[in-house]
N, C-alpha and C. Protein backbone atom coordinates (compact mmCIF):
# COMPACT_ATOMS: atom_id res chain seq x y z
N MET A 1 -122.21 -12.90 -6.39
CA MET A 1 -120.80 -12.97 -5.78
C MET A 1 -120.75 -12.98 -4.22
N ALA A 2 -120.38 -13.62 -3.32
CA ALA A 2 -120.43 -13.23 -1.98
C ALA A 2 -119.50 -11.98 -1.41
N ILE A 3 -119.62 -11.35 -0.20
CA ILE A 3 -118.60 -10.33 0.20
C ILE A 3 -117.49 -10.95 0.36
N SER A 4 -117.20 -12.18 0.85
CA SER A 4 -115.74 -12.60 1.00
C SER A 4 -115.17 -12.70 -0.17
N ASP A 5 -115.90 -13.02 -1.28
CA ASP A 5 -115.08 -13.27 -2.72
C ASP A 5 -114.82 -11.73 -3.02
N ASP A 6 -115.65 -10.70 -2.87
CA ASP A 6 -115.30 -9.26 -2.96
C ASP A 6 -114.10 -9.04 -2.38
N ILE A 7 -113.83 -9.25 -1.15
CA ILE A 7 -112.62 -8.84 -0.42
C ILE A 7 -111.51 -9.60 -0.83
N GLU A 8 -111.65 -10.95 -1.23
CA GLU A 8 -110.41 -11.79 -1.68
C GLU A 8 -109.63 -11.16 -3.14
N ALA A 9 -110.99 -10.77 -3.86
CA ALA A 9 -110.79 -10.41 -5.43
C ALA A 9 -109.95 -8.84 -5.21
N VAL A 10 -110.22 -7.82 -4.46
CA VAL A 10 -109.78 -6.85 -4.01
C VAL A 10 -108.16 -6.95 -3.77
N LEU A 11 -107.98 -7.85 -2.81
CA LEU A 11 -106.82 -8.40 -2.29
C LEU A 11 -105.74 -8.87 -3.38
N LEU A 12 -106.33 -9.49 -4.26
CA LEU A 12 -105.61 -10.28 -5.39
C LEU A 12 -105.34 -9.20 -6.62
N ILE A 13 -106.09 -8.12 -6.56
CA ILE A 13 -105.88 -7.09 -7.78
C ILE A 13 -104.45 -6.38 -7.08
N ASN A 14 -104.55 -5.99 -5.93
CA ASN A 14 -103.04 -5.21 -5.74
C ASN A 14 -102.83 -5.54 -3.84
N PRO A 15 -102.26 -6.57 -3.96
CA PRO A 15 -101.85 -7.15 -2.69
C PRO A 15 -100.88 -6.34 -2.10
N LYS A 16 -100.04 -5.49 -2.51
CA LYS A 16 -99.03 -4.78 -1.54
C LYS A 16 -99.59 -3.50 -1.15
N GLU A 17 -100.87 -3.07 -1.70
CA GLU A 17 -101.61 -1.71 -1.13
C GLU A 17 -102.23 -2.06 -0.08
N PRO A 18 -102.21 -1.21 0.88
CA PRO A 18 -103.28 -1.80 2.14
C PRO A 18 -104.41 -1.20 1.82
N GLN A 19 -105.58 -2.20 1.90
CA GLN A 19 -106.81 -2.03 1.70
C GLN A 19 -107.55 -1.08 2.90
N PHE A 20 -107.16 -1.13 4.25
CA PHE A 20 -107.79 -0.48 5.22
C PHE A 20 -106.75 0.47 5.95
N LYS A 21 -107.19 1.68 5.83
CA LYS A 21 -106.31 2.71 6.02
C LYS A 21 -106.66 3.01 7.56
N GLY A 22 -105.95 3.30 8.42
CA GLY A 22 -106.40 3.96 9.65
C GLY A 22 -106.41 3.00 10.98
N GLU A 23 -106.27 3.13 12.16
CA GLU A 23 -106.51 2.38 13.16
C GLU A 23 -107.98 2.33 13.48
N PRO A 24 -108.97 1.31 13.73
CA PRO A 24 -110.44 1.69 13.80
C PRO A 24 -110.38 2.07 15.45
N TYR A 25 -109.52 2.13 16.25
CA TYR A 25 -109.73 2.82 17.66
C TYR A 25 -108.40 3.79 18.06
N SER A 26 -109.05 4.80 18.72
CA SER A 26 -108.35 5.95 18.90
C SER A 26 -107.54 5.68 19.99
N PHE A 27 -107.51 4.75 21.07
CA PHE A 27 -106.70 4.45 22.36
C PHE A 27 -105.25 4.42 22.09
N PRO A 28 -104.92 4.05 21.14
CA PRO A 28 -103.03 3.90 20.84
C PRO A 28 -102.63 5.33 20.93
N GLU A 29 -103.31 6.28 20.53
CA GLU A 29 -102.92 7.33 20.41
C GLU A 29 -102.89 8.48 21.64
N SER A 30 -103.63 7.66 22.78
CA SER A 30 -103.94 8.41 24.12
C SER A 30 -102.49 8.48 24.76
N PRO A 31 -102.08 9.64 25.46
CA PRO A 31 -101.03 9.78 26.46
C PRO A 31 -101.28 8.68 27.30
N ASP A 32 -102.15 8.18 27.76
CA ASP A 32 -102.27 7.31 28.73
C ASP A 32 -102.27 6.13 28.50
N PHE A 33 -101.97 5.56 27.07
CA PHE A 33 -101.51 4.29 26.71
C PHE A 33 -100.19 4.14 26.45
N HIS A 34 -99.55 3.32 27.36
CA HIS A 34 -97.96 3.24 26.97
C HIS A 34 -97.48 2.29 25.94
N LYS A 35 -96.54 3.07 25.08
CA LYS A 35 -96.21 1.95 24.05
C LYS A 35 -95.30 0.68 24.59
N ALA A 36 -95.10 -0.13 23.85
CA ALA A 36 -94.73 -1.32 24.35
C ALA A 36 -93.47 -0.97 25.02
N GLY A 37 -92.22 -0.14 24.56
CA GLY A 37 -91.22 0.05 25.31
C GLY A 37 -91.06 0.95 26.51
N GLN A 38 -92.32 1.36 27.01
CA GLN A 38 -92.61 1.94 28.18
C GLN A 38 -93.20 1.21 29.48
N ARG A 39 -93.51 0.09 28.75
CA ARG A 39 -94.52 -1.05 29.84
C ARG A 39 -93.52 -1.88 30.52
N GLY A 40 -94.13 -2.25 31.59
CA GLY A 40 -93.10 -3.24 32.72
C GLY A 40 -94.14 -4.62 32.43
N SER A 41 -93.74 -5.46 33.43
CA SER A 41 -94.22 -6.73 33.26
C SER A 41 -94.31 -7.22 34.58
N VAL A 42 -95.02 -8.27 34.60
CA VAL A 42 -95.56 -8.81 36.16
C VAL A 42 -95.65 -10.29 35.73
N THR A 43 -94.69 -10.79 36.53
CA THR A 43 -94.40 -12.32 36.66
C THR A 43 -94.84 -13.00 37.96
N GLY A 44 -95.30 -14.18 38.01
CA GLY A 44 -95.46 -14.81 39.39
C GLY A 44 -95.90 -16.05 39.37
N ARG A 45 -96.33 -16.71 40.31
CA ARG A 45 -96.88 -18.18 40.54
C ARG A 45 -98.12 -17.79 41.29
N LEU A 46 -99.39 -18.27 40.97
CA LEU A 46 -100.56 -17.88 42.02
C LEU A 46 -100.73 -19.29 42.36
N PHE A 47 -101.17 -19.18 43.65
CA PHE A 47 -101.79 -20.26 44.59
C PHE A 47 -102.97 -19.93 45.10
N VAL A 48 -103.46 -21.06 45.55
CA VAL A 48 -104.73 -21.16 46.28
C VAL A 48 -104.87 -21.83 47.67
N ARG A 49 -105.54 -21.30 48.55
CA ARG A 49 -105.24 -22.09 49.81
C ARG A 49 -106.81 -22.29 50.26
N ASP A 50 -107.10 -23.60 50.17
CA ASP A 50 -108.34 -23.80 50.42
C ASP A 50 -108.29 -25.03 51.66
N ARG A 51 -108.37 -24.56 52.77
CA ARG A 51 -108.26 -25.62 53.88
C ARG A 51 -109.07 -26.79 54.23
N TYR A 52 -110.33 -26.67 53.33
CA TYR A 52 -111.21 -27.97 53.57
C TYR A 52 -110.79 -29.04 52.27
N MET A 53 -109.76 -28.56 51.23
CA MET A 53 -109.41 -29.77 50.44
C MET A 53 -108.06 -30.18 50.81
N ILE A 54 -107.22 -29.23 51.34
CA ILE A 54 -106.00 -29.67 51.53
C ILE A 54 -105.04 -28.71 52.60
N ARG A 55 -104.16 -29.33 53.18
CA ARG A 55 -103.71 -28.11 54.07
C ARG A 55 -102.53 -27.42 53.22
N GLN A 56 -102.09 -28.01 52.23
CA GLN A 56 -101.09 -27.15 51.60
C GLN A 56 -101.80 -25.97 50.70
N ASP A 57 -101.16 -25.09 50.27
CA ASP A 57 -101.19 -24.11 48.98
C ASP A 57 -101.57 -24.92 47.75
N MET A 58 -102.27 -24.88 46.80
CA MET A 58 -102.49 -25.56 45.65
C MET A 58 -102.24 -24.71 44.03
N ALA A 59 -101.34 -25.02 43.39
CA ALA A 59 -101.29 -24.16 42.35
C ALA A 59 -102.42 -24.04 41.73
N ALA A 60 -102.58 -22.77 41.23
CA ALA A 60 -103.95 -22.28 40.60
C ALA A 60 -103.88 -22.45 38.91
N GLY A 61 -103.70 -23.52 38.77
CA GLY A 61 -103.67 -23.96 37.45
C GLY A 61 -104.62 -23.32 36.40
N LEU A 62 -104.39 -22.72 35.27
CA LEU A 62 -105.21 -22.59 34.29
C LEU A 62 -106.21 -21.50 34.83
N ALA A 63 -105.85 -20.79 35.91
CA ALA A 63 -106.77 -19.70 36.50
C ALA A 63 -106.25 -18.45 35.48
N TYR A 64 -107.43 -17.68 35.35
CA TYR A 64 -107.08 -16.15 34.62
C TYR A 64 -106.64 -15.27 35.69
N VAL A 65 -105.54 -14.40 35.43
CA VAL A 65 -104.73 -13.53 36.20
C VAL A 65 -105.11 -12.02 35.82
N GLY A 66 -105.56 -11.16 35.96
CA GLY A 66 -105.52 -9.82 35.52
C GLY A 66 -104.72 -8.85 36.18
N LEU A 67 -104.60 -7.81 35.52
CA LEU A 67 -103.74 -6.53 35.99
C LEU A 67 -104.66 -5.20 35.55
N ALA A 68 -105.13 -4.49 36.65
CA ALA A 68 -105.82 -3.16 36.27
C ALA A 68 -105.35 -2.05 37.07
N SER A 69 -105.92 -1.02 37.14
CA SER A 69 -105.46 0.12 37.74
C SER A 69 -106.30 0.20 39.24
N PRO A 70 -105.49 0.46 40.30
CA PRO A 70 -106.41 0.37 41.64
C PRO A 70 -107.25 1.13 41.70
N GLY A 71 -108.30 0.76 42.53
CA GLY A 71 -109.58 1.39 42.62
C GLY A 71 -110.48 0.94 43.79
N GLN A 72 -111.58 0.93 43.84
CA GLN A 72 -112.56 0.60 44.80
C GLN A 72 -112.73 -0.90 44.60
N PRO A 73 -113.13 -1.77 45.43
CA PRO A 73 -112.90 -3.36 45.09
C PRO A 73 -114.28 -3.59 44.19
N GLY A 74 -114.06 -4.31 43.21
CA GLY A 74 -114.91 -4.48 42.01
C GLY A 74 -114.81 -3.74 40.96
N SER A 75 -114.28 -2.47 41.12
CA SER A 75 -114.25 -1.38 39.75
C SER A 75 -113.51 -1.80 38.79
N TRP A 76 -112.66 -2.58 38.81
CA TRP A 76 -111.91 -3.11 37.42
C TRP A 76 -113.35 -3.82 36.51
N ALA A 77 -114.26 -4.25 37.05
CA ALA A 77 -115.12 -4.79 36.12
C ALA A 77 -116.20 -3.96 35.54
N THR A 78 -116.32 -2.75 36.31
CA THR A 78 -117.34 -1.94 35.71
C THR A 78 -116.60 -0.54 35.02
N GLU A 79 -115.31 -0.53 35.44
CA GLU A 79 -114.93 1.21 35.05
C GLU A 79 -114.18 0.56 33.46
N SER A 80 -114.66 1.37 32.62
CA SER A 80 -113.86 1.23 31.42
C SER A 80 -113.05 2.22 30.56
N LYS A 81 -112.69 3.09 31.65
CA LYS A 81 -111.83 4.18 31.30
C LYS A 81 -110.34 3.47 31.44
N ASN A 82 -110.13 2.80 32.16
CA ASN A 82 -108.68 2.38 32.63
C ASN A 82 -108.42 0.83 31.77
N TYR A 83 -107.00 0.71 31.48
CA TYR A 83 -106.75 -0.49 30.85
C TYR A 83 -106.67 -1.54 31.87
N GLN A 84 -106.71 -2.92 31.47
CA GLN A 84 -106.82 -4.11 31.69
C GLN A 84 -105.90 -5.14 30.91
N PHE A 85 -105.14 -5.87 31.61
CA PHE A 85 -104.26 -6.72 31.01
C PHE A 85 -104.47 -8.35 31.53
N TRP A 86 -104.78 -8.94 30.68
CA TRP A 86 -104.97 -10.46 30.99
C TRP A 86 -104.27 -11.53 30.59
N THR A 87 -104.14 -12.50 31.12
CA THR A 87 -103.42 -13.95 30.88
C THR A 87 -103.87 -15.22 31.66
N ARG A 88 -103.35 -16.26 31.20
CA ARG A 88 -103.93 -17.01 31.85
C ARG A 88 -102.76 -18.29 32.37
N ALA A 89 -103.03 -18.40 33.43
CA ALA A 89 -101.87 -19.22 34.29
C ALA A 89 -101.52 -20.64 33.69
N THR A 90 -100.21 -20.86 33.72
CA THR A 90 -99.89 -22.48 33.01
C THR A 90 -100.57 -23.33 34.49
N PRO A 91 -100.57 -24.84 33.92
CA PRO A 91 -101.14 -25.55 34.63
C PRO A 91 -100.30 -25.73 36.11
N CYS A 92 -99.20 -25.24 36.24
CA CYS A 92 -98.60 -25.14 37.49
C CYS A 92 -98.64 -23.71 38.33
N GLY A 93 -99.63 -23.01 37.88
CA GLY A 93 -99.80 -21.50 38.29
C GLY A 93 -99.05 -20.29 37.69
N SER A 94 -98.09 -20.57 36.98
CA SER A 94 -97.15 -19.60 36.41
C SER A 94 -97.89 -18.54 35.50
N PHE A 95 -97.45 -17.54 35.71
CA PHE A 95 -97.93 -16.45 34.79
C PHE A 95 -96.91 -15.05 34.26
N SER A 96 -97.30 -14.65 33.28
CA SER A 96 -96.49 -13.36 32.85
C SER A 96 -97.42 -12.57 32.02
N ILE A 97 -97.27 -11.22 32.53
CA ILE A 97 -98.08 -10.06 31.86
C ILE A 97 -97.32 -9.25 31.61
């Protein structure tokens, strides 16, 4: 019997009883982690200006847009103590985080 068969069998025996108790991560309990009702949002449209391609701004379609705490340039990539929120822009450059 495979491991996946064991898990499926346990779930079939008592499907209403939770099999996994507790959150595997502790960060949701941190006072620095705001609950959904305490968070804001950021919406916008991202453009790129590349004067070598075209004189007008171009929509940054399908670009990744990130929101992180302020800090030193590049610190968002190396600092793991703060939270980051990411999304992908639509083909016309619109995004919402």
